[in-house]
Amino acid sequence: MDKEVTEMAKIKIKQTKSRIGAPIDQRRTLDALGLRKLNRVVELEDNPSVRGMINKVNHLVTVID
């Protein structure tokens, strides 16, 4: 029996602004996204929970195609 491999859509996120001065919940959201330094890019699965985190810190990050 072959296991069917399904690829989830991916989304690339880049931190474009500093976390200095941001509230603690936004800092923790950046940590949860895997963004710990400025100008770093991470690639995550495109799902509603990741989209919600991006929406919370949308002034600090940029979505790359």
PDB file of N, CA and C in Angstrom:
ATOM      1  N   MET A   1       0.840  -1.187   0.000  1.00  0.00           N
ATOM      2  CA  MET A   1       0.000   0.000   0.000  1.00  0.00           C
ATOM      3  C   MET A   1       0.879   1.242   0.000  1.00  0.00           C
ATOM      4  N   ASP A   2       0.708   2.055  -0.996  1.00  0.00           N
ATOM      5  CA  ASP A   2       1.461   3.303  -1.069  1.00  0.00           C
ATOM      6  C   ASP A   2       0.737   4.380  -0.284  1.00  0.00           C
ATOM      7  N   LYS A   3       1.520   5.097   0.490  1.00  0.00           N
ATOM      8  CA  LYS A   3       0.933   6.223   1.227  1.00  0.00           C
ATOM      9  C   LYS A   3       0.866   7.412   0.286  1.00  0.00           C
ATOM     10  N   GLU A   4      -0.270   8.054   0.289  1.00  0.00           N
ATOM     11  CA  GLU A   4      -0.445   9.215  -0.566  1.00  0.00           C
ATOM     12  C   GLU A   4       0.180  10.433   0.109  1.00  0.00           C
ATOM     13  N   VAL A   5       1.075  11.077  -0.614  1.00  0.00           N
ATOM     14  CA  VAL A   5       1.754  12.248  -0.082  1.00  0.00           C
ATOM     15  C   VAL A   5       1.058  13.488  -0.625  1.00  0.00           C
ATOM     16  N   THR A   6       0.543  14.293   0.303  1.00  0.00           N
ATOM     17  CA  THR A   6      -0.101  15.526  -0.120  1.00  0.00           C
ATOM     18  C   THR A   6       0.738  16.697   0.352  1.00  0.00           C
ATOM     19  N   GLU A   7       0.984  17.609  -0.553  1.00  0.00           N
ATOM     20  CA  GLU A   7       1.769  18.788  -0.205  1.00  0.00           C
ATOM     21  C   GLU A   7       0.840  19.903   0.230  1.00  0.00           C
ATOM     22  N   MET A   8       1.126  20.443   1.397  1.00  0.00           N
ATOM     23  CA  MET A   8       0.383  21.596   1.867  1.00  0.00           C
ATOM     24  C   MET A   8       0.976  22.839   1.228  1.00  0.00           C
ATOM     25  N   ALA A   9       0.147  23.836   1.037  1.00  0.00           N
ATOM     26  CA  ALA A   9       0.639  25.099   0.496  1.00  0.00           C
ATOM     27  C   ALA A   9       1.581  25.726   1.517  1.00  0.00           C
ATOM     28  N   LYS A  10       2.639  26.324   1.020  1.00  0.00           N
ATOM     29  CA  LYS A  10       3.623  26.958   1.896  1.00  0.00           C
ATOM     30  C   LYS A  10       3.525  28.466   1.758  1.00  0.00           C
ATOM     31  N   ILE A  11       3.931  29.161   2.802  1.00  0.00           N
ATOM     32  CA  ILE A  11       3.932  30.613   2.800  1.00  0.00           C
ATOM     33  C   ILE A  11       5.257  31.073   3.402  1.00  0.00           C
ATOM     34  N   LYS A  12       5.891  32.061   2.770  1.00  0.00           N
ATOM     35  CA  LYS A  12       7.158  32.596   3.269  1.00  0.00           C
ATOM     36  C   LYS A  12       6.891  33.925   3.959  1.00  0.00           C
ATOM     37  N   ILE A  13       7.472  34.072   5.151  1.00  0.00           N
ATOM     38  CA  ILE A  13       7.267  35.263   5.955  1.00  0.00           C
ATOM     39  C   ILE A  13       8.622  35.837   6.313  1.00  0.00           C
ATOM     40  N   LYS A  14       8.769  37.160   6.175  1.00  0.00           N
ATOM     41  CA  LYS A  14      10.020  37.835   6.495  1.00  0.00           C
ATOM     42  C   LYS A  14       9.745  38.906   7.536  1.00  0.00           C
ATOM     43  N   GLN A  15      10.564  38.948   8.585  1.00  0.00           N
ATOM     44  CA  GLN A  15      10.440  40.003   9.585  1.00  0.00           C
ATOM     45  C   GLN A  15      11.136  41.243   9.053  1.00  0.00           C
ATOM     46  N   THR A  16      10.379  42.327   8.888  1.00  0.00           N
ATOM     47  CA  THR A  16      10.919  43.536   8.282  1.00  0.00           C
ATOM     48  C   THR A  16      11.113  44.677   9.279  1.00  0.00           C
ATOM     49  N   LYS A  17      10.487  44.581  10.443  1.00  0.00           N
ATOM     50  CA  LYS A  17      10.639  45.632  11.447  1.00  0.00           C
ATOM     51  C   LYS A  17      11.032  44.995  12.770  1.00  0.00           C
ATOM     52  N   SER A  18      11.664  45.811  13.615  1.00  0.00           N
ATOM     53  CA  SER A  18      12.191  45.329  14.879  1.00  0.00           C
ATOM     54  C   SER A  18      11.086  45.030  15.882  1.00  0.00           C
ATOM     55  N   ARG A  19      11.358  44.073  16.753  1.00  0.00           N
ATOM     56  CA  ARG A  19      10.432  43.732  17.816  1.00  0.00           C
ATOM     57  C   ARG A  19      10.619  44.631  19.034  1.00  0.00           C
ATOM     58  N   ILE A  20      11.632  45.485  19.018  1.00  0.00           N
ATOM     59  CA  ILE A  20      11.881  46.367  20.156  1.00  0.00           C
ATOM     60  C   ILE A  20      10.695  47.303  20.324  1.00  0.00           C
ATOM     61  N   GLY A  21      10.149  47.364  21.499  1.00  0.00           N
ATOM     62  CA  GLY A  21       9.015  48.223  21.792  1.00  0.00           C
ATOM     63  C   GLY A  21       7.669  47.569  21.534  1.00  0.00           C
ATOM     64  N   ALA A  22       7.663  46.381  20.955  1.00  0.00           N
ATOM     65  CA  ALA A  22       6.407  45.680  20.695  1.00  0.00           C
ATOM     66  C   ALA A  22       5.906  45.029  21.979  1.00  0.00           C
ATOM     67  N   PRO A  23       4.593  44.921  22.140  1.00  0.00           N
ATOM     68  CA  PRO A  23       4.050  44.243  23.324  1.00  0.00           C
ATOM     69  C   PRO A  23       4.497  42.786  23.395  1.00  0.00           C
ATOM     70  N   ILE A  24       4.473  42.241  24.594  1.00  0.00           N
ATOM     71  CA  ILE A  24       4.985  40.879  24.820  1.00  0.00           C
ATOM     72  C   ILE A  24       4.217  39.846  24.000  1.00  0.00           C
ATOM     73  N   ASP A  25       2.909  40.033  23.802  1.00  0.00           N
ATOM     74  CA  ASP A  25       2.155  39.046  23.026  1.00  0.00           C
ATOM     75  C   ASP A  25       2.584  39.040  21.558  1.00  0.00           C
ATOM     76  N   GLN A  26       2.956  40.190  21.026  1.00  0.00           N
ATOM     77  CA  GLN A  26       3.452  40.233  19.649  1.00  0.00           C
ATOM     78  C   GLN A  26       4.841  39.624  19.549  1.00  0.00           C
ATOM     79  N   ARG A  27       5.669  39.812  20.560  1.00  0.00           N
ATOM     80  CA  ARG A  27       6.996  39.172  20.571  1.00  0.00           C
ATOM     81  C   ARG A  27       6.854  37.661  20.603  1.00  0.00           C
ATOM     82  N   ARG A  28       5.926  37.183  21.396  1.00  0.00           N
ATOM     83  CA  ARG A  28       5.711  35.730  21.483  1.00  0.00           C
ATOM     84  C   ARG A  28       5.145  35.177  20.186  1.00  0.00           C
ATOM     85  N   THR A  29       4.332  35.964  19.517  1.00  0.00           N
ATOM     86  CA  THR A  29       3.807  35.546  18.216  1.00  0.00           C
ATOM     87  C   THR A  29       4.932  35.421  17.198  1.00  0.00           C
ATOM     88  N   LEU A  30       5.858  36.382  17.198  1.00  0.00           N
ATOM     89  CA  LEU A  30       7.020  36.289  16.302  1.00  0.00           C
ATOM     90  C   LEU A  30       7.844  35.048  16.625  1.00  0.00           C
ATOM     91  N   ASP A  31       8.024  34.750  17.916  1.00  0.00           N
ATOM     92  CA  ASP A  31       8.753  33.543  18.306  1.00  0.00           C
ATOM     93  C   ASP A  31       8.033  32.290  17.802  1.00  0.00           C
ATOM     94  N   ALA A  32       6.702  32.283  17.921  1.00  0.00           N
ATOM     95  CA  ALA A  32       5.923  31.124  17.479  1.00  0.00           C
ATOM     96  C   ALA A  32       6.020  30.932  15.968  1.00  0.00           C
ATOM     97  N   LEU A  33       6.177  32.023  15.245  1.00  0.00           N
ATOM     98  CA  LEU A  33       6.358  31.931  13.791  1.00  0.00           C
ATOM     99  C   LEU A  33       7.779  31.524  13.422  1.00  0.00           C
ATOM    100  N   GLY A  34       8.694  31.580  14.379  1.00  0.00           N
ATOM    101  CA  GLY A  34      10.082  31.220  14.117  1.00  0.00           C
ATOM    102  C   GLY A  34      10.927  32.402  13.696  1.00  0.00           C
ATOM    103  N   LEU A  35      10.429  33.611  13.911  1.00  0.00           N
ATOM    104  CA  LEU A  35      11.151  34.823  13.531  1.00  0.00           C
ATOM    105  C   LEU A  35      11.789  35.420  14.777  1.00  0.00           C
ATOM    106  N   ARG A  36      13.087  35.267  14.887  1.00  0.00           N
ATOM    107  CA  ARG A  36      13.788  35.752  16.070  1.00  0.00           C
ATOM    108  C   ARG A  36      14.756  36.884  15.764  1.00  0.00           C
ATOM    109  N   LYS A  37      15.072  37.102  14.498  1.00  0.00           N
ATOM    110  CA  LYS A  37      15.986  38.175  14.113  1.00  0.00           C
ATOM    111  C   LYS A  37      15.419  38.915  12.910  1.00  0.00           C
ATOM    112  N   LEU A  38      15.818  40.142  12.769  1.00  0.00           N
ATOM    113  CA  LEU A  38      15.360  40.992  11.685  1.00  0.00           C
ATOM    114  C   LEU A  38      15.843  40.453  10.328  1.00  0.00           C
ATOM    115  N   ASN A  39      15.009  40.576   9.331  1.00  0.00           N
ATOM    116  CA  ASN A  39      15.285  40.157   7.947  1.00  0.00           C
ATOM    117  C   ASN A  39      15.446  38.654   7.777  1.00  0.00           C
ATOM    118  N   ARG A  40      14.966  37.875   8.715  1.00  0.00           N
ATOM    119  CA  ARG A  40      14.977  36.413   8.554  1.00  0.00           C
ATOM    120  C   ARG A  40      13.709  35.987   7.837  1.00  0.00           C
ATOM    121  N   VAL A  41      13.818  34.917   7.057  1.00  0.00           N
ATOM    122  CA  VAL A  41      12.678  34.387   6.315  1.00  0.00           C
ATOM    123  C   VAL A  41      12.413  32.964   6.794  1.00  0.00           C
ATOM    124  N   VAL A  42      11.141  32.658   7.048  1.00  0.00           N
ATOM    125  CA  VAL A  42      10.740  31.305   7.393  1.00  0.00           C
ATOM    126  C   VAL A  42       9.659  30.861   6.412  1.00  0.00           C
ATOM    127  N   GLU A  43       9.593  29.565   6.193  1.00  0.00           N
ATOM    128  CA  GLU A  43       8.579  28.993   5.322  1.00  0.00           C
ATOM    129  C   GLU A  43       7.714  28.068   6.150  1.00  0.00           C
ATOM    130  N   LEU A  44       6.428  28.386   6.242  1.00  0.00           N
ATOM    131  CA  LEU A  44       5.492  27.624   7.057  1.00  0.00           C
ATOM    132  C   LEU A  44       4.326  27.162   6.203  1.00  0.00           C
ATOM    133  N   GLU A  45       3.564  26.194   6.742  1.00  0.00           N
ATOM    134  CA  GLU A  45       2.366  25.742   6.050  1.00  0.00           C
ATOM    135  C   GLU A  45       1.316  26.850   6.095  1.00  0.00           C
ATOM    136  N   ASP A  46       0.617  27.005   5.005  1.00  0.00           N
ATOM    137  CA  ASP A  46      -0.419  28.034   4.917  1.00  0.00           C
ATOM    138  C   ASP A  46      -1.712  27.460   5.475  1.00  0.00           C
ATOM    139  N   ASN A  47      -1.996  27.772   6.743  1.00  0.00           N
ATOM    140  CA  ASN A  47      -3.230  27.337   7.371  1.00  0.00           C
ATOM    141  C   ASN A  47      -3.818  28.488   8.187  1.00  0.00           C
ATOM    142  N   PRO A  48      -5.043  28.356   8.657  1.00  0.00           N
ATOM    143  CA  PRO A  48      -5.693  29.471   9.354  1.00  0.00           C
ATOM    144  C   PRO A  48      -4.962  29.939  10.611  1.00  0.00           C
ATOM    145  N   SER A  49      -4.316  29.054  11.339  1.00  0.00           N
ATOM    146  CA  SER A  49      -3.626  29.482  12.555  1.00  0.00           C
ATOM    147  C   SER A  49      -2.406  30.338  12.228  1.00  0.00           C
ATOM    148  N   VAL A  50      -1.658  29.964  11.199  1.00  0.00           N
ATOM    149  CA  VAL A  50      -0.507  30.764  10.778  1.00  0.00           C
ATOM    150  C   VAL A  50      -0.985  32.105  10.216  1.00  0.00           C
ATOM    151  N   ARG A  51      -2.078  32.092   9.443  1.00  0.00           N
ATOM    152  CA  ARG A  51      -2.625  33.341   8.902  1.00  0.00           C
ATOM    153  C   ARG A  51      -3.050  34.282  10.033  1.00  0.00           C
ATOM    154  N   GLY A  52      -3.615  33.736  11.104  1.00  0.00           N
ATOM    155  CA  GLY A  52      -4.009  34.561  12.246  1.00  0.00           C
ATOM    156  C   GLY A  52      -2.810  35.183  12.939  1.00  0.00           C
ATOM    157  N   MET A  53      -1.726  34.412  13.074  1.00  0.00           N
ATOM    158  CA  MET A  53      -0.517  34.960  13.687  1.00  0.00           C
ATOM    159  C   MET A  53       0.085  36.057  12.818  1.00  0.00           C
ATOM    160  N   ILE A  54       0.068  35.850  11.500  1.00  0.00           N
ATOM    161  CA  ILE A  54       0.582  36.869  10.586  1.00  0.00           C
ATOM    162  C   ILE A  54      -0.259  38.137  10.701  1.00  0.00           C
ATOM    163  N   ASN A  55      -1.574  37.971  10.798  1.00  0.00           N
ATOM    164  CA  ASN A  55      -2.459  39.124  10.912  1.00  0.00           C
ATOM    165  C   ASN A  55      -2.178  39.924  12.187  1.00  0.00           C
ATOM    166  N   LYS A  56      -1.802  39.228  13.256  1.00  0.00           N
ATOM    167  CA  LYS A  56      -1.542  39.903  14.530  1.00  0.00           C
ATOM    168  C   LYS A  56      -0.290  40.775  14.464  1.00  0.00           C
ATOM    169  N   VAL A  57       0.713  40.344  13.713  1.00  0.00           N
ATOM    170  CA  VAL A  57       1.974  41.093  13.631  1.00  0.00           C
ATOM    171  C   VAL A  57       2.225  41.590  12.208  1.00  0.00           C
ATOM    172  N   ASN A  58       1.153  41.907  11.482  1.00  0.00           N
ATOM    173  CA  ASN A  58       1.302  42.279  10.071  1.00  0.00           C
ATOM    174  C   ASN A  58       2.090  43.561   9.884  1.00  0.00           C
ATOM    175  N   HIS A  59       2.222  44.399  10.906  1.00  0.00           N
ATOM    176  CA  HIS A  59       3.011  45.625  10.799  1.00  0.00           C
ATOM    177  C   HIS A  59       4.501  45.359  10.985  1.00  0.00           C
ATOM    178  N   LEU A  60       4.867  44.150  11.389  1.00  0.00           N
ATOM    179  CA  LEU A  60       6.266  43.789  11.618  1.00  0.00           C
ATOM    180  C   LEU A  60       6.804  42.822  10.569  1.00  0.00           C
ATOM    181  N   VAL A  61       5.922  42.201   9.787  1.00  0.00           N
ATOM    182  CA  VAL A  61       6.341  41.165   8.845  1.00  0.00           C
ATOM    183  C   VAL A  61       5.838  41.477   7.446  1.00  0.00           C
ATOM    184  N   THR A  62       6.420  40.776   6.461  1.00  0.00           N
ATOM    185  CA  THR A  62       5.998  40.842   5.072  1.00  0.00           C
ATOM    186  C   THR A  62       5.834  39.421   4.563  1.00  0.00           C
ATOM    187  N   VAL A  63       4.777  39.187   3.805  1.00  0.00           N
ATOM    188  CA  VAL A  63       4.550  37.871   3.192  1.00  0.00           C
ATOM    189  C   VAL A  63       5.198  37.896   1.812  1.00  0.00           C
ATOM    190  N   ILE A  64       6.061  36.908   1.556  1.00  0.00           N
ATOM    191  CA  ILE A  64       6.760  36.792   0.279  1.00  0.00           C
ATOM    192  C   ILE A  64       6.091  35.710  -0.546  1.00  0.00           C
ATOM    193  N   ASP A  65       5.949  35.955  -1.846  1.00  0.00           N
ATOM    194  CA  ASP A  65       5.310  34.954  -2.716  1.00  0.00           C
ATOM    195  C   ASP A  65       6.137  33.726  -2.862  1.00  0.00           C
TER     196      ASP A  65
END
